[in-house]
N, C-alpha and C. Protein backbone atom coordinates (compact mmCIF):
# COMPACT_ATOMS: atom_id res chain seq x y z
N MET A 1 94.12 101.28 100.74
CA MET A 1 95.03 101.30 101.66
C MET A 1 94.51 101.40 103.00
N ASN A 2 95.03 100.71 104.26
CA ASN A 2 94.08 100.88 105.07
C ASN A 2 94.91 101.72 106.05
N PRO A 3 94.62 102.78 106.41
CA PRO A 3 95.78 103.97 107.46
C PRO A 3 95.08 103.28 108.94
N ASN A 4 94.18 102.53 109.33
CA ASN A 4 93.87 102.16 110.52
C ASN A 4 94.85 100.66 110.96
N ARG A 5 95.38 100.24 109.79
CA ARG A 5 96.08 99.07 110.09
C ARG A 5 97.29 99.21 110.71
N PRO A 6 98.09 98.69 111.84
CA PRO A 6 99.27 98.98 112.25
C PRO A 6 100.44 98.70 111.28
N SER A 7 101.14 100.10 110.79
CA SER A 7 101.59 99.85 109.88
C SER A 7 103.43 99.92 110.06
N SER A 8 103.45 100.11 111.39
CA SER A 8 105.44 100.14 111.68
C SER A 8 106.01 98.89 111.52
N ASN A 9 105.33 97.58 111.70
CA ASN A 9 105.78 96.49 111.44
C ASN A 9 105.83 95.78 109.75
N ARG A 10 105.14 96.47 108.72
CA ARG A 10 104.84 96.12 107.62
C ARG A 10 105.87 96.83 106.50
N PRO A 11 106.28 95.85 105.81
CA PRO A 11 107.27 96.17 105.16
C PRO A 11 107.16 97.20 103.84
N VAL A 12 107.85 98.45 103.66
CA VAL A 12 107.51 99.39 102.96
C VAL A 12 106.84 99.04 101.57
N TYR A 13 107.15 97.70 100.86
CA TYR A 13 106.45 97.33 99.86
C TYR A 13 105.20 97.44 99.85
N LEU A 14 104.65 96.91 101.09
CA LEU A 14 103.27 96.79 101.28
C LEU A 14 102.54 97.85 101.24
N LYS A 15 103.35 98.63 102.25
CA LYS A 15 102.51 100.07 102.30
C LYS A 15 102.30 100.51 101.05
N LEU A 16 103.42 100.84 100.18
CA LEU A 16 102.98 101.17 98.88
C LEU A 16 101.88 100.56 98.23
N ARG A 17 101.99 99.21 98.38
CA ARG A 17 100.80 98.43 97.83
C ARG A 17 99.31 98.57 98.02
N ASP A 18 99.37 99.31 99.37
CA ASP A 18 98.33 99.27 99.74
C ASP A 18 97.61 101.24 99.47
N GLN A 19 98.98 101.88 99.45
CA GLN A 19 98.76 103.01 98.76
C GLN A 19 98.09 103.04 97.23
N ILE A 20 98.52 102.22 96.49
CA ILE A 20 98.45 102.18 95.21
C ILE A 20 96.73 101.61 95.02
N ALA A 21 96.83 100.85 95.81
CA ALA A 21 95.26 99.98 95.92
C ALA A 21 94.33 100.82 96.22
N ALA A 22 94.53 101.61 96.91
CA ALA A 22 93.45 102.56 97.52
C ALA A 22 93.31 103.85 96.20
N ALA A 23 94.22 104.19 95.82
CA ALA A 23 94.06 104.84 94.81
C ALA A 23 93.46 104.30 93.50
N ILE A 24 93.54 102.92 93.18
CA ILE A 24 92.86 102.23 92.44
C ILE A 24 91.35 102.20 92.90
N ILE A 25 91.32 101.99 93.83
CA ILE A 25 89.52 101.75 94.12
C ILE A 25 88.87 102.94 94.14
N ASP A 26 89.83 104.10 94.68
CA ASP A 26 89.30 105.75 94.66
C ASP A 26 88.88 106.41 93.69
N GLY A 27 89.17 105.79 92.06
CA GLY A 27 89.39 106.05 91.09
C GLY A 27 90.45 107.07 90.50
N ALA A 28 91.56 107.09 91.23
CA ALA A 28 92.38 107.83 90.86
C ALA A 28 93.37 107.25 89.56
N TYR A 29 93.12 105.91 89.75
CA TYR A 29 93.77 105.01 88.50
C TYR A 29 92.87 104.28 88.43
N PRO A 30 91.77 104.61 87.08
CA PRO A 30 90.78 104.15 86.90
C PRO A 30 91.00 102.86 85.98
N GLU A 31 90.37 101.87 85.52
CA GLU A 31 90.54 101.01 84.36
C GLU A 31 91.02 101.42 83.30
N GLY A 32 92.01 101.03 83.07
CA GLY A 32 92.81 100.95 81.64
C GLY A 32 93.71 102.27 82.04
N ALA A 33 93.74 102.58 83.23
CA ALA A 33 94.81 103.93 83.45
C ALA A 33 96.26 103.18 83.31
N MET A 34 97.03 103.89 82.95
CA MET A 34 98.58 103.55 83.40
C MET A 34 99.00 104.14 84.78
N LEU A 35 99.81 103.32 85.34
CA LEU A 35 100.50 103.79 86.75
C LEU A 35 101.36 104.46 86.58
N PRO A 36 101.82 105.62 87.50
CA PRO A 36 103.14 105.88 87.40
C PRO A 36 104.28 104.85 86.74
N SER A 37 105.64 105.25 86.53
CA SER A 37 106.55 104.45 86.03
C SER A 37 106.97 104.15 87.65
N VAL A 38 108.00 102.89 87.51
CA VAL A 38 108.67 102.71 89.04
C VAL A 38 109.35 103.94 89.51
N ARG A 39 110.16 104.76 88.47
CA ARG A 39 111.20 105.61 88.43
C ARG A 39 110.50 107.11 89.62
N ALA A 40 109.31 107.47 88.88
CA ALA A 40 108.35 108.37 89.27
C ALA A 40 107.74 108.10 90.47
N LEU A 41 107.19 107.06 90.48
CA LEU A 41 106.41 106.54 91.91
C LEU A 41 107.64 106.22 92.89
N ALA A 42 109.01 105.92 92.55
CA ALA A 42 109.86 106.18 94.00
C ALA A 42 110.51 107.46 94.06
N ALA A 43 110.46 108.31 93.09
CA ALA A 43 110.75 109.86 93.52
C ALA A 43 109.65 110.25 94.12
N GLU A 44 108.70 110.16 94.10
CA GLU A 44 107.31 111.07 94.53
C GLU A 44 107.11 110.41 96.18
N GLN A 45 107.67 108.85 96.28
CA GLN A 45 107.36 108.46 97.66
C GLN A 45 108.66 108.82 98.33
N GLY A 46 109.46 108.78 97.83
CA GLY A 46 111.23 108.76 98.48
C GLY A 46 111.16 107.41 98.57
N ALA A 47 111.06 106.45 98.09
CA ALA A 47 111.10 104.99 98.07
C ALA A 47 112.30 104.48 97.16
N ASN A 48 112.92 103.44 97.46
CA ASN A 48 113.89 102.55 96.32
C ASN A 48 113.30 102.45 95.16
N PRO A 49 113.18 102.54 94.08
CA PRO A 49 112.93 101.88 92.64
C PRO A 49 112.44 100.33 93.19
N LEU A 50 113.33 99.59 93.74
CA LEU A 50 113.32 98.16 93.73
C LEU A 50 112.20 97.89 94.69
N THR A 51 111.85 98.44 95.52
CA THR A 51 110.85 98.31 96.48
C THR A 51 109.49 98.77 95.85
N VAL A 52 109.43 99.80 94.80
CA VAL A 52 108.56 100.08 94.24
C VAL A 52 108.20 99.25 92.88
N ALA A 53 109.21 98.69 92.39
CA ALA A 53 109.20 97.53 91.47
C ALA A 53 108.71 96.17 91.94
N LYS A 54 108.78 95.79 93.21
CA LYS A 54 108.42 94.33 94.17
C LYS A 54 106.74 94.66 94.58
N ALA A 55 106.13 96.35 94.98
CA ALA A 55 104.80 96.64 95.08
C ALA A 55 104.50 96.28 93.64
N TYR A 56 104.48 96.93 92.30
CA TYR A 56 104.20 96.52 91.11
C TYR A 56 104.07 95.06 91.21
N GLN A 57 105.05 94.25 91.40
CA GLN A 57 105.16 92.90 90.92
C GLN A 57 104.10 92.53 91.51
N GLN A 58 103.68 92.42 92.95
CA GLN A 58 102.42 92.07 93.95
C GLN A 58 101.41 92.20 92.61
N PHE A 59 101.02 93.67 92.07
CA PHE A 59 100.08 94.05 91.75
C PHE A 59 99.78 92.98 90.26
N GLN A 60 100.70 92.55 89.71
CA GLN A 60 100.90 92.06 88.33
C GLN A 60 100.52 90.27 88.67
N ASN A 61 101.28 90.10 89.74
CA ASN A 61 100.85 88.55 90.00
C ASN A 61 99.59 88.11 90.59
N ASP A 62 98.99 89.15 90.88
CA ASP A 62 97.39 89.02 91.33
C ASP A 62 96.47 89.28 90.25
N GLY A 63 97.22 89.96 89.14
CA GLY A 63 96.44 89.93 87.91
C GLY A 63 95.34 91.41 87.85
N LEU A 64 95.79 92.28 88.27
CA LEU A 64 95.49 93.74 88.67
C LEU A 64 95.81 94.73 87.83
N VAL A 65 97.05 94.24 86.93
CA VAL A 65 97.35 95.10 86.37
C VAL A 65 98.05 94.77 85.11
N GLU A 66 98.28 94.93 83.86
CA GLU A 66 98.46 94.30 82.93
C GLU A 66 99.84 95.14 82.20
N VAL A 67 100.95 94.27 81.85
CA VAL A 67 102.47 95.45 81.31
C VAL A 67 102.51 95.31 79.79
N GLN A 68 102.49 96.38 79.29
CA GLN A 68 102.72 96.51 78.09
C GLN A 68 104.35 97.02 78.09
N ARG A 69 104.91 95.88 77.43
CA ARG A 69 106.51 95.98 77.52
C ARG A 69 106.98 97.46 77.03
N GLY A 70 108.19 98.39 77.59
CA GLY A 70 108.37 99.36 77.00
C GLY A 70 107.21 100.62 76.79
N VAL A 71 106.22 100.26 77.26
CA VAL A 71 105.07 101.60 77.58
C VAL A 71 104.79 101.75 78.81
N GLY A 72 104.25 100.58 80.04
CA GLY A 72 103.95 101.02 81.14
C GLY A 72 102.94 99.84 81.74
N MET A 73 102.36 99.80 82.96
CA MET A 73 101.40 99.38 83.63
C MET A 73 100.21 99.99 83.47
N TYR A 74 99.13 99.18 83.20
CA TYR A 74 97.95 98.93 82.77
C TYR A 74 96.85 98.67 83.91
N VAL A 75 95.81 99.26 84.61
CA VAL A 75 95.01 98.70 85.79
C VAL A 75 94.01 97.82 84.68
N VAL A 76 93.88 96.66 85.09
CA VAL A 76 92.69 96.01 83.88
C VAL A 76 91.42 96.14 84.65
N ARG A 77 90.54 95.89 83.71
CA ARG A 77 89.03 95.78 83.84
C ARG A 77 88.44 95.18 85.47
N GLY A 78 88.08 95.36 86.24
CA GLY A 78 87.55 94.79 87.51
C GLY A 78 88.60 94.96 88.76
N ALA A 79 89.52 95.49 88.25
CA ALA A 79 90.80 95.45 89.66
C ALA A 79 90.11 96.20 90.52
N ALA A 80 89.55 97.46 90.34
CA ALA A 80 89.03 98.14 91.47
C ALA A 80 88.09 97.61 91.99
N GLU A 81 86.77 96.49 92.02
CA GLU A 81 86.20 95.73 92.63
C GLU A 81 86.73 95.02 93.29
N ARG A 82 87.92 94.52 92.63
CA ARG A 82 88.48 92.95 93.24
C ARG A 82 89.07 93.64 94.54
N LEU A 83 90.11 94.77 94.40
CA LEU A 83 90.41 94.99 95.31
C LEU A 83 89.57 95.34 96.57
N ARG A 84 88.65 96.17 95.81
CA ARG A 84 87.53 96.10 97.31
C ARG A 84 86.85 94.96 97.77
N ALA A 85 87.11 94.60 97.32
CA ALA A 85 86.08 93.04 98.12
C ALA A 85 87.36 92.68 98.73
N ALA A 86 88.31 92.58 98.52
CA ALA A 86 89.34 91.77 99.14
C ALA A 86 89.93 92.81 100.20
N GLU A 87 89.64 94.23 100.35
CA GLU A 87 89.85 95.23 101.45
C GLU A 87 88.43 95.08 102.36
N ARG A 88 87.47 94.55 101.89
CA ARG A 88 86.31 94.36 102.70
C ARG A 88 86.44 93.12 103.34
N GLU A 89 87.00 92.37 102.91
CA GLU A 89 87.13 90.96 103.34
C GLU A 89 88.22 90.99 104.53
N THR A 90 89.08 92.06 104.30
CA THR A 90 90.34 92.00 105.59
C THR A 90 89.96 92.81 106.41
N PHE A 91 88.97 93.91 106.41
CA PHE A 91 88.03 94.83 107.10
C PHE A 91 87.47 93.60 108.23
N LEU A 92 86.70 92.96 107.58
CA LEU A 92 85.88 92.61 108.43
C LEU A 92 86.34 91.13 109.19
N ARG A 93 87.42 90.87 108.95
CA ARG A 93 88.17 89.39 109.41
C ARG A 93 89.29 90.26 110.53
N GLU A 94 89.66 91.33 110.29
CA GLU A 94 91.45 91.67 111.09
C GLU A 94 90.72 92.84 111.98
N GLU A 95 89.94 93.49 111.16
CA GLU A 95 89.68 95.05 111.98
C GLU A 95 88.20 95.19 112.72
N TRP A 96 87.23 94.61 112.08
CA TRP A 96 86.07 94.67 112.58
C TRP A 96 85.88 94.13 114.19
N PRO A 97 86.24 92.80 114.49
CA PRO A 97 85.95 92.33 115.52
C PRO A 97 86.76 93.43 116.82
N GLU A 98 87.88 94.05 116.68
CA GLU A 98 88.36 94.62 117.68
C GLU A 98 87.78 95.75 117.52
N ILE A 99 86.79 96.61 116.59
CA ILE A 99 86.04 97.58 116.56
C ILE A 99 84.86 97.61 117.40
N ARG A 100 84.40 96.29 116.88
CA ARG A 100 82.97 95.92 117.76
C ARG A 100 83.30 95.66 119.33
N SER A 101 84.55 95.32 119.51
CA SER A 101 84.65 94.89 120.87
C SER A 101 84.76 96.17 122.12
N ARG A 102 85.53 97.17 120.99
CA ARG A 102 85.52 98.58 121.61
C ARG A 102 84.54 99.26 121.86
N MET A 103 83.48 99.19 120.77
CA MET A 103 82.30 99.60 120.84
C MET A 103 81.50 99.11 122.12
N GLN A 104 81.36 97.73 122.18
CA GLN A 104 80.86 97.20 123.35
C GLN A 104 81.26 97.61 124.54
N ARG A 105 82.89 97.78 124.78
CA ARG A 105 83.56 98.24 125.99
C ARG A 105 83.17 99.91 126.36
N LEU A 106 82.74 100.80 125.07
CA LEU A 106 82.47 102.11 125.36
C LEU A 106 80.69 102.22 125.40
N GLY A 107 80.12 101.41 125.56
CA GLY A 107 78.79 101.26 125.48
C GLY A 107 77.88 101.89 124.38
N LEU A 108 78.59 101.85 122.69
CA LEU A 108 78.02 102.11 122.06
C LEU A 108 77.25 101.36 121.06
N ASP A 109 76.03 101.66 120.61
CA ASP A 109 75.51 101.04 119.74
C ASP A 109 75.15 101.39 118.14
N PRO A 110 75.64 100.48 117.30
CA PRO A 110 75.95 101.06 115.77
C PRO A 110 75.13 101.80 115.78
N ALA A 111 73.92 101.57 115.79
CA ALA A 111 72.59 102.68 115.52
C ALA A 111 73.14 104.08 116.15
N ASP A 112 73.47 104.19 116.61
CA ASP A 112 74.22 105.63 117.32
C ASP A 112 75.10 106.10 116.44
N LEU A 113 76.07 105.05 115.75
CA LEU A 113 77.04 106.02 114.56
C LEU A 113 76.43 106.52 113.47
N ALA A 114 75.07 106.00 112.86
CA ALA A 114 74.48 106.37 111.96
C ALA A 114 74.06 107.94 112.40
N VAL A 115 73.65 108.37 113.20
CA VAL A 115 73.24 109.59 113.81
C VAL A 115 74.45 110.82 113.85
N VAL A 116 75.94 110.13 114.18
CA VAL A 116 77.09 110.81 114.14
C VAL A 116 77.50 111.20 112.81
N LEU A 117 77.19 110.07 112.00
CA LEU A 117 77.93 110.35 110.47
C LEU A 117 77.03 110.95 109.66
């Protein structure tokens, strides 16, 4: 999930997908772990179960989860690294140019940030 990405115009299922992706990347749902059921996640997030199902479907379409009928959805091997790579690419393509431009306007050098962090 990318909290800095403008989200007001993003569909809810994509926001949910970002949250789940962040949890997979962060290790909350490691490889082989079962994701919460559609109903459980919908209740937790206050979302419509159909919206959660749509977010989960996107993970399935992308090959990041495996469905075991009647049991649940499981995170596949390599899902975290694939998601991390996709997030990195999105950050560099969509967010970094704006950040770099703002840093230039403010007279910040990337080396200065290493001291702050």
